């Protein structure tokens, strides 16, 4: 059995363990029934061009470099496992890490939109985490907006020659927090406050999320750095093939 095949099996095993250790969920991203039908449709339509571009991005990556399959599998498993570990926060949602920062740093935000969609679909169907009608809204916040901020911040800090590990930590943590800013906005637009409208409601949702999400974002940043360090040890060739690790000049 080839090393690449062994690594793919290991990634699949991690995903399977994630299914096994996560308890039945009564918490959720945004659950069924919490968004009006028009909002569900609008968020779904907004996601479509990102998902289409993400599909082509992944397709091109795999065509050019088969080694990337291992890293894609690891990124998807990472998203599934840590985004399935939830801390109930409010009636309509919950706090949890997203795991999308790793994929965004390695492959860009477009590719992560597909990985995130697959994870959200599995969670909605098998773990009662999120919902099918709210899939578009959850996909936009967790699989599009968060990864986009992570990628942009990582690219900016890289140009500023910030230490790579510090860069990864900051980008992953901020991307996680931005996901919940978007989720708060989505809930606020659907449930505006009687006094102050959507703006006041947005502030209230942020205030409720903050106590649990800020420490979780810090933990996600640390975990992402740890995963990258581990990958640099056992998947050096794969990371070098996608340009994450530069070839040493002799």
C-alpha atoms as a PDB file:
ATOM      1  CA  UNK A   1       0.000   0.000   0.000  1.00  0.00           C
ATOM      2  CA  UNK A   2       1.387   3.409  -0.987  1.00  0.00           C
ATOM      3  CA  UNK A   3       2.069   6.129   1.601  1.00  0.00           C
ATOM      4  CA  UNK A   4      -0.529   8.397   0.002  1.00  0.00           C
ATOM      5  CA  UNK A   5      -3.156   5.669   0.274  1.00  0.00           C
ATOM      6  CA  UNK A   6      -2.269   5.108   3.938  1.00  0.00           C
ATOM      7  CA  UNK A   7      -2.642   8.811   4.633  1.00  0.00           C
ATOM      8  CA  UNK A   8      -6.031   8.887   2.910  1.00  0.00           C
ATOM      9  CA  UNK A   9      -7.150   5.947   5.035  1.00  0.00           C
ATOM     10  CA  UNK A  10      -5.907   7.730   8.173  1.00  0.00           C
ATOM     11  CA  UNK A  11      -7.850  10.860   7.222  1.00  0.00           C
ATOM     12  CA  UNK A  12     -10.973   8.785   6.590  1.00  0.00           C
ATOM     13  CA  UNK A  13     -10.484   7.080   9.954  1.00  0.00           C
ATOM     14  CA  UNK A  14     -10.321  10.467  11.666  1.00  0.00           C
ATOM     15  CA  UNK A  15     -13.588  11.393   9.985  1.00  0.00           C
ATOM     16  CA  UNK A  16     -15.173   8.121  11.137  1.00  0.00           C
ATOM     17  CA  UNK A  17     -13.995   8.702  14.698  1.00  0.00           C
ATOM     18  CA  UNK A  18     -15.611  12.110  14.520  1.00  0.00           C
ATOM     19  CA  UNK A  19     -18.937  10.442  13.743  1.00  0.00           C
ATOM     20  CA  UNK A  20     -18.479   8.083  16.641  1.00  0.00           C
ATOM     21  CA  UNK A  21     -17.416  10.449  19.414  1.00  0.00           C
ATOM     22  CA  UNK A  22     -19.818  13.302  18.748  1.00  0.00           C
ATOM     23  CA  UNK A  23     -22.989  12.863  20.817  1.00  0.00           C
ATOM     24  CA  UNK A  24     -26.481  13.360  19.455  1.00  0.00           C
ATOM     25  CA  UNK A  25     -26.828  17.066  18.958  1.00  0.00           C
ATOM     26  CA  UNK A  26     -29.580  19.301  20.132  1.00  0.00           C
ATOM     27  CA  UNK A  27     -27.547  22.385  19.326  1.00  0.00           C
ATOM     28  CA  UNK A  28     -27.160  23.726  15.819  1.00  0.00           C
ATOM     29  CA  UNK A  29     -25.678  26.274  13.392  1.00  0.00           C
ATOM     30  CA  UNK A  30     -28.956  27.949  12.463  1.00  0.00           C
ATOM     31  CA  UNK A  31     -31.734  25.407  12.819  1.00  0.00           C
ATOM     32  CA  UNK A  32     -34.746  24.643  10.682  1.00  0.00           C
ATOM     33  CA  UNK A  33     -37.500  27.223  11.017  1.00  0.00           C
ATOM     34  CA  UNK A  34     -35.399  30.083  12.389  1.00  0.00           C
ATOM     35  CA  UNK A  35     -35.080  31.876   9.041  1.00  0.00           C
ATOM     36  CA  UNK A  36     -37.989  33.004   6.853  1.00  0.00           C
ATOM     37  CA  UNK A  37     -38.271  31.133   3.521  1.00  0.00           C
ATOM     38  CA  UNK A  38     -37.213  34.226   1.563  1.00  0.00           C
ATOM     39  CA  UNK A  39     -34.038  34.551   3.649  1.00  0.00           C
ATOM     40  CA  UNK A  40     -33.240  30.864   3.119  1.00  0.00           C
ATOM     41  CA  UNK A  41     -33.590  31.295  -0.636  1.00  0.00           C
ATOM     42  CA  UNK A  42     -31.558  34.506  -0.779  1.00  0.00           C
ATOM     43  CA  UNK A  43     -28.619  33.079   1.191  1.00  0.00           C
ATOM     44  CA  UNK A  44     -28.701  29.962  -0.956  1.00  0.00           C
ATOM     45  CA  UNK A  45     -28.592  31.990  -4.165  1.00  0.00           C
ATOM     46  CA  UNK A  46     -25.711  34.104  -2.814  1.00  0.00           C
ATOM     47  CA  UNK A  47     -23.744  30.907  -2.189  1.00  0.00           C
ATOM     48  CA  UNK A  48     -24.162  29.508  -5.708  1.00  0.00           C
ATOM     49  CA  UNK A  49     -21.365  31.419  -7.536  1.00  0.00           C
ATOM     50  CA  UNK A  50     -18.915  30.706  -4.697  1.00  0.00           C
ATOM     51  CA  UNK A  51     -19.766  27.000  -4.761  1.00  0.00           C
ATOM     52  CA  UNK A  52     -19.418  26.809  -8.537  1.00  0.00           C
ATOM     53  CA  UNK A  53     -16.043  28.547  -8.396  1.00  0.00           C
ATOM     54  CA  UNK A  54     -15.041  26.279  -5.509  1.00  0.00           C
ATOM     55  CA  UNK A  55     -15.909  23.154  -7.475  1.00  0.00           C
ATOM     56  CA  UNK A  56     -13.740  24.264 -10.394  1.00  0.00           C
ATOM     57  CA  UNK A  57     -10.955  25.261  -7.988  1.00  0.00           C
ATOM     58  CA  UNK A  58     -10.879  21.809  -6.378  1.00  0.00           C
ATOM     59  CA  UNK A  59     -11.160  20.113  -9.755  1.00  0.00           C
ATOM     60  CA  UNK A  60      -8.184  22.055 -11.127  1.00  0.00           C
ATOM     61  CA  UNK A  61      -6.136  21.429  -7.990  1.00  0.00           C
ATOM     62  CA  UNK A  62      -6.658  17.667  -8.172  1.00  0.00           C
ATOM     63  CA  UNK A  63      -5.990  17.556 -11.940  1.00  0.00           C
ATOM     64  CA  UNK A  64      -2.710  19.392 -11.550  1.00  0.00           C
ATOM     65  CA  UNK A  65      -1.580  17.612  -8.408  1.00  0.00           C
ATOM     66  CA  UNK A  66      -2.903  14.242  -7.205  1.00  0.00           C
ATOM     67  CA  UNK A  67      -0.886  14.603  -4.002  1.00  0.00           C
ATOM     68  CA  UNK A  68      -3.284  17.363  -2.961  1.00  0.00           C
ATOM     69  CA  UNK A  69      -6.011  14.750  -2.395  1.00  0.00           C
ATOM     70  CA  UNK A  70      -4.418  13.791   0.904  1.00  0.00           C
ATOM     71  CA  UNK A  71      -4.414  17.365   2.151  1.00  0.00           C
ATOM     72  CA  UNK A  72      -7.968  17.951   0.917  1.00  0.00           C
ATOM     73  CA  UNK A  73      -9.140  14.874   2.845  1.00  0.00           C
ATOM     74  CA  UNK A  74      -7.370  16.032   5.999  1.00  0.00           C
ATOM     75  CA  UNK A  75      -8.833  19.527   5.664  1.00  0.00           C
ATOM     76  CA  UNK A  76     -12.353  18.146   5.251  1.00  0.00           C
ATOM     77  CA  UNK A  77     -11.977  15.783   8.212  1.00  0.00           C
ATOM     78  CA  UNK A  78     -10.648  18.636  10.358  1.00  0.00           C
ATOM     79  CA  UNK A  79     -13.666  20.799   9.507  1.00  0.00           C
ATOM     80  CA  UNK A  80     -16.099  18.012  10.304  1.00  0.00           C
ATOM     81  CA  UNK A  81     -14.606  16.924  13.611  1.00  0.00           C
ATOM     82  CA  UNK A  82     -14.050  20.255  15.336  1.00  0.00           C
ATOM     83  CA  UNK A  83     -17.191  21.936  13.970  1.00  0.00           C
ATOM     84  CA  UNK A  84     -19.240  19.064  15.403  1.00  0.00           C
ATOM     85  CA  UNK A  85     -18.111  19.801  18.968  1.00  0.00           C
ATOM     86  CA  UNK A  86     -20.653  22.333  20.168  1.00  0.00           C
ATOM     87  CA  UNK A  87     -21.345  24.569  23.160  1.00  0.00           C
ATOM     88  CA  UNK A  88     -25.028  25.636  23.282  1.00  0.00           C
ATOM     89  CA  UNK A  89     -25.176  29.411  23.179  1.00  0.00           C
ATOM     90  CA  UNK A  90     -28.671  30.611  22.291  1.00  0.00           C
ATOM     91  CA  UNK A  91     -31.942  29.047  21.241  1.00  0.00           C
ATOM     92  CA  UNK A  92     -31.328  29.516  17.519  1.00  0.00           C
ATOM     93  CA  UNK A  93     -27.686  28.574  17.320  1.00  0.00           C
ATOM     94  CA  UNK A  94     -24.582  27.423  19.177  1.00  0.00           C
ATOM     95  CA  UNK A  95     -20.903  28.174  19.562  1.00  0.00           C
ATOM     96  CA  UNK A  96     -18.357  25.846  18.034  1.00  0.00           C
ATOM     97  CA  UNK A  97     -15.088  25.990  16.160  1.00  0.00           C
ATOM     98  CA  UNK A  98     -15.314  25.989  12.375  1.00  0.00           C
ATOM     99  CA  UNK A  99     -12.089  24.301  11.216  1.00  0.00           C
ATOM    100  CA  UNK A 100     -12.230  26.062   7.850  1.00  0.00           C
ATOM    101  CA  UNK A 101      -9.055  28.070   8.396  1.00  0.00           C
ATOM    102  CA  UNK A 102      -6.775  25.149   7.583  1.00  0.00           C
ATOM    103  CA  UNK A 103      -8.297  24.545   4.153  1.00  0.00           C
ATOM    104  CA  UNK A 104      -8.446  28.255   3.366  1.00  0.00           C
ATOM    105  CA  UNK A 105      -4.739  28.656   4.101  1.00  0.00           C
ATOM    106  CA  UNK A 106      -3.765  25.591   2.053  1.00  0.00           C
ATOM    107  CA  UNK A 107      -6.148  25.826  -0.920  1.00  0.00           C
ATOM    108  CA  UNK A 108      -7.858  29.227  -0.771  1.00  0.00           C
ATOM    109  CA  UNK A 109     -11.392  30.167   0.294  1.00  0.00           C
ATOM    110  CA  UNK A 110     -13.195  28.949  -2.830  1.00  0.00           C
ATOM    111  CA  UNK A 111     -12.164  25.318  -2.374  1.00  0.00           C
ATOM    112  CA  UNK A 112     -13.278  25.417   1.269  1.00  0.00           C
ATOM    113  CA  UNK A 113     -16.798  26.390   0.224  1.00  0.00           C
ATOM    114  CA  UNK A 114     -17.267  22.883  -1.191  1.00  0.00           C
ATOM    115  CA  UNK A 115     -15.682  21.159   1.806  1.00  0.00           C
ATOM    116  CA  UNK A 116     -17.823  23.220   4.161  1.00  0.00           C
ATOM    117  CA  UNK A 117     -21.000  22.489   2.221  1.00  0.00           C
ATOM    118  CA  UNK A 118     -20.356  18.738   2.373  1.00  0.00           C
ATOM    119  CA  UNK A 119     -19.705  18.910   6.114  1.00  0.00           C
ATOM    120  CA  UNK A 120     -22.826  20.996   6.760  1.00  0.00           C
ATOM    121  CA  UNK A 121     -24.941  18.606   4.707  1.00  0.00           C
ATOM    122  CA  UNK A 122     -23.675  15.586   6.653  1.00  0.00           C
ATOM    123  CA  UNK A 123     -24.210  17.364   9.976  1.00  0.00           C
ATOM    124  CA  UNK A 124     -27.745  18.410   9.059  1.00  0.00           C
ATOM    125  CA  UNK A 125     -28.719  14.903   7.936  1.00  0.00           C
ATOM    126  CA  UNK A 126     -26.882  12.762  10.483  1.00  0.00           C
ATOM    127  CA  UNK A 127     -26.363  14.928  13.576  1.00  0.00           C
ATOM    128  CA  UNK A 128     -29.395  17.254  13.522  1.00  0.00           C
ATOM    129  CA  UNK A 129     -26.847  20.063  13.546  1.00  0.00           C
ATOM    130  CA  UNK A 130     -28.138  22.925  11.407  1.00  0.00           C
ATOM    131  CA  UNK A 131     -30.805  22.280   8.808  1.00  0.00           C
ATOM    132  CA  UNK A 132     -31.533  21.759   5.136  1.00  0.00           C
ATOM    133  CA  UNK A 133     -33.609  24.926   4.700  1.00  0.00           C
ATOM    134  CA  UNK A 134     -30.881  26.970   6.422  1.00  0.00           C
ATOM    135  CA  UNK A 135     -28.060  25.235   4.549  1.00  0.00           C
ATOM    136  CA  UNK A 136     -27.416  28.290   2.378  1.00  0.00           C
ATOM    137  CA  UNK A 137     -27.145  30.663   5.347  1.00  0.00           C
ATOM    138  CA  UNK A 138     -24.901  28.298   7.298  1.00  0.00           C
ATOM    139  CA  UNK A 139     -22.774  27.656   4.228  1.00  0.00           C
ATOM    140  CA  UNK A 140     -22.259  31.367   3.616  1.00  0.00           C
ATOM    141  CA  UNK A 141     -21.223  32.147   7.192  1.00  0.00           C
ATOM    142  CA  UNK A 142     -19.023  29.119   7.887  1.00  0.00           C
ATOM    143  CA  UNK A 143     -17.795  27.958   4.469  1.00  0.00           C
ATOM    144  CA  UNK A 144     -17.538  31.237   2.543  1.00  0.00           C
ATOM    145  CA  UNK A 145     -17.293  34.369   4.703  1.00  0.00           C
ATOM    146  CA  UNK A 146     -15.031  32.936   7.422  1.00  0.00           C
ATOM    147  CA  UNK A 147     -12.561  31.247   5.043  1.00  0.00           C
ATOM    148  CA  UNK A 148     -12.419  34.364   2.868  1.00  0.00           C
ATOM    149  CA  UNK A 149     -11.366  36.521   5.827  1.00  0.00           C
ATOM    150  CA  UNK A 150      -8.875  33.857   6.940  1.00  0.00           C
ATOM    151  CA  UNK A 151      -7.278  33.705   3.491  1.00  0.00           C
ATOM    152  CA  UNK A 152      -7.102  37.485   3.039  1.00  0.00           C
ATOM    153  CA  UNK A 153      -5.608  38.006   6.496  1.00  0.00           C
ATOM    154  CA  UNK A 154      -3.125  35.155   6.041  1.00  0.00           C
ATOM    155  CA  UNK A 155      -2.030  36.578   2.671  1.00  0.00           C
ATOM    156  CA  UNK A 156      -1.662  40.083   4.124  1.00  0.00           C
ATOM    157  CA  UNK A 157       0.353  38.952   7.145  1.00  0.00           C
ATOM    158  CA  UNK A 158       2.504  36.758   4.905  1.00  0.00           C
ATOM    159  CA  UNK A 159       3.380  39.789   2.777  1.00  0.00           C
ATOM    160  CA  UNK A 160       4.237  41.627   5.998  1.00  0.00           C
ATOM    161  CA  UNK A 161       6.603  38.727   6.781  1.00  0.00           C
ATOM    162  CA  UNK A 162       4.897  37.810  10.025  1.00  0.00           C
ATOM    163  CA  UNK A 163       6.081  34.525  11.541  1.00  0.00           C
ATOM    164  CA  UNK A 164       4.208  31.690   9.783  1.00  0.00           C
ATOM    165  CA  UNK A 165       2.862  30.049  12.942  1.00  0.00           C
ATOM    166  CA  UNK A 166       1.729  33.386  14.386  1.00  0.00           C
ATOM    167  CA  UNK A 167       0.154  34.204  11.030  1.00  0.00           C
ATOM    168  CA  UNK A 168      -1.770  30.911  10.917  1.00  0.00           C
ATOM    169  CA  UNK A 169      -2.998  31.385  14.490  1.00  0.00           C
ATOM    170  CA  UNK A 170      -4.277  34.917  13.879  1.00  0.00           C
ATOM    171  CA  UNK A 171      -5.869  34.122  10.512  1.00  0.00           C
ATOM    172  CA  UNK A 172      -7.689  31.002  11.770  1.00  0.00           C
ATOM    173  CA  UNK A 173      -8.906  32.693  14.966  1.00  0.00           C
ATOM    174  CA  UNK A 174     -10.172  35.832  13.224  1.00  0.00           C
ATOM    175  CA  UNK A 175     -11.853  33.763  10.501  1.00  0.00           C
ATOM    176  CA  UNK A 176     -13.696  31.824  13.199  1.00  0.00           C
ATOM    177  CA  UNK A 177     -14.879  35.031  14.875  1.00  0.00           C
ATOM    178  CA  UNK A 178     -15.983  36.545  11.578  1.00  0.00           C
ATOM    179  CA  UNK A 179     -18.131  33.471  10.910  1.00  0.00           C
ATOM    180  CA  UNK A 180     -20.123  34.307  14.025  1.00  0.00           C
ATOM    181  CA  UNK A 181     -20.355  37.953  13.109  1.00  0.00           C
ATOM    182  CA  UNK A 182     -22.061  36.856   9.886  1.00  0.00           C
ATOM    183  CA  UNK A 183     -24.271  34.380  11.755  1.00  0.00           C
ATOM    184  CA  UNK A 184     -25.302  37.162  14.142  1.00  0.00           C
ATOM    185  CA  UNK A 185     -26.149  39.373  11.166  1.00  0.00           C
ATOM    186  CA  UNK A 186     -28.227  36.617   9.566  1.00  0.00           C
ATOM    187  CA  UNK A 187     -30.200  36.073  12.766  1.00  0.00           C
ATOM    188  CA  UNK A 188     -30.581  39.824  13.343  1.00  0.00           C
ATOM    189  CA  UNK A 189     -32.003  40.389   9.866  1.00  0.00           C
ATOM    190  CA  UNK A 190     -34.498  37.596  10.469  1.00  0.00           C
ATOM    191  CA  UNK A 191     -35.390  38.638  14.019  1.00  0.00           C
ATOM    192  CA  UNK A 192     -35.048  42.429  14.332  1.00  0.00           C
ATOM    193  CA  UNK A 193     -35.533  43.927  17.769  1.00  0.00           C
ATOM    194  CA  UNK A 194     -38.728  45.847  18.433  1.00  0.00           C
ATOM    195  CA  UNK A 195     -36.550  48.697  19.659  1.00  0.00           C
ATOM    196  CA  UNK A 196     -33.593  49.483  17.425  1.00  0.00           C
ATOM    197  CA  UNK A 197     -34.403  47.036  14.650  1.00  0.00           C
ATOM    198  CA  UNK A 198     -31.817  44.720  13.123  1.00  0.00           C
ATOM    199  CA  UNK A 199     -28.904  46.841  14.374  1.00  0.00           C
ATOM    200  CA  UNK A 200     -29.867  46.402  18.014  1.00  0.00           C
ATOM    201  CA  UNK A 201     -30.590  42.727  17.471  1.00  0.00           C
ATOM    202  CA  UNK A 202     -27.178  42.267  15.842  1.00  0.00           C
ATOM    203  CA  UNK A 203     -25.467  43.693  18.906  1.00  0.00           C
ATOM    204  CA  UNK A 204     -27.465  41.409  21.206  1.00  0.00           C
ATOM    205  CA  UNK A 205     -26.577  38.293  19.234  1.00  0.00           C
ATOM    206  CA  UNK A 206     -22.891  39.252  19.229  1.00  0.00           C
ATOM    207  CA  UNK A 207     -22.990  39.835  22.977  1.00  0.00           C
ATOM    208  CA  UNK A 208     -24.457  36.385  23.555  1.00  0.00           C
ATOM    209  CA  UNK A 209     -21.977  34.629  21.259  1.00  0.00           C
ATOM    210  CA  UNK A 210     -18.851  36.443  22.508  1.00  0.00           C
ATOM    211  CA  UNK A 211     -18.299  34.750  25.919  1.00  0.00           C
ATOM    212  CA  UNK A 212     -18.063  31.293  24.358  1.00  0.00           C
ATOM    213  CA  UNK A 213     -16.834  32.095  20.856  1.00  0.00           C
ATOM    214  CA  UNK A 214     -13.795  34.211  21.706  1.00  0.00           C
ATOM    215  CA  UNK A 215     -12.052  31.457  23.708  1.00  0.00           C
ATOM    216  CA  UNK A 216     -13.110  28.900  21.089  1.00  0.00           C
ATOM    217  CA  UNK A 217     -11.547  31.048  18.365  1.00  0.00           C
ATOM    218  CA  UNK A 218      -8.285  31.119  20.315  1.00  0.00           C
ATOM    219  CA  UNK A 219      -8.409  27.326  20.688  1.00  0.00           C
ATOM    220  CA  UNK A 220      -9.104  26.928  16.967  1.00  0.00           C
ATOM    221  CA  UNK A 221      -6.113  29.094  16.128  1.00  0.00           C
ATOM    222  CA  UNK A 222      -3.889  26.947  18.324  1.00  0.00           C
ATOM    223  CA  UNK A 223      -5.273  23.685  16.920  1.00  0.00           C
ATOM    224  CA  UNK A 224      -4.769  24.874  13.361  1.00  0.00           C
ATOM    225  CA  UNK A 225      -1.122  25.659  14.104  1.00  0.00           C
ATOM    226  CA  UNK A 226      -0.673  22.234  15.730  1.00  0.00           C
ATOM    227  CA  UNK A 227      -2.213  20.479  12.703  1.00  0.00           C
ATOM    228  CA  UNK A 228       0.056  22.394  10.316  1.00  0.00           C
ATOM    229  CA  UNK A 229       3.121  21.468  12.395  1.00  0.00           C
ATOM    230  CA  UNK A 230       2.055  17.809  12.290  1.00  0.00           C
ATOM    231  CA  UNK A 231       1.453  17.974   8.538  1.00  0.00           C
ATOM    232  CA  UNK A 232       4.891  19.490   8.007  1.00  0.00           C
ATOM    233  CA  UNK A 233       6.289  16.359   9.657  1.00  0.00           C
ATOM    234  CA  UNK A 234       4.372  13.583   7.856  1.00  0.00           C
ATOM    235  CA  UNK A 235       3.076  15.302   4.693  1.00  0.00           C
ATOM    236  CA  UNK A 236       6.082  17.364   3.684  1.00  0.00           C
ATOM    237  CA  UNK A 237       6.007  16.250   0.048  1.00  0.00           C
ATOM    238  CA  UNK A 238       2.315  17.046  -0.265  1.00  0.00           C
ATOM    239  CA  UNK A 239       2.727  20.500   1.288  1.00  0.00           C
ATOM    240  CA  UNK A 240       5.693  21.175  -0.969  1.00  0.00           C
ATOM    241  CA  UNK A 241       3.696  20.082  -4.025  1.00  0.00           C
ATOM    242  CA  UNK A 242       1.028  22.750  -3.396  1.00  0.00           C
ATOM    243  CA  UNK A 243       3.638  25.412  -2.643  1.00  0.00           C
ATOM    244  CA  UNK A 244       2.961  25.743   1.085  1.00  0.00           C
ATOM    245  CA  UNK A 245       6.522  24.655   1.815  1.00  0.00           C
ATOM    246  CA  UNK A 246       9.092  26.109  -0.532  1.00  0.00           C
ATOM    247  CA  UNK A 247      11.764  23.963  -2.142  1.00  0.00           C
ATOM    248  CA  UNK A 248      15.085  24.340  -0.382  1.00  0.00           C
ATOM    249  CA  UNK A 249      17.655  26.063  -2.556  1.00  0.00           C
ATOM    250  CA  UNK A 250      21.017  24.317  -2.655  1.00  0.00           C
END
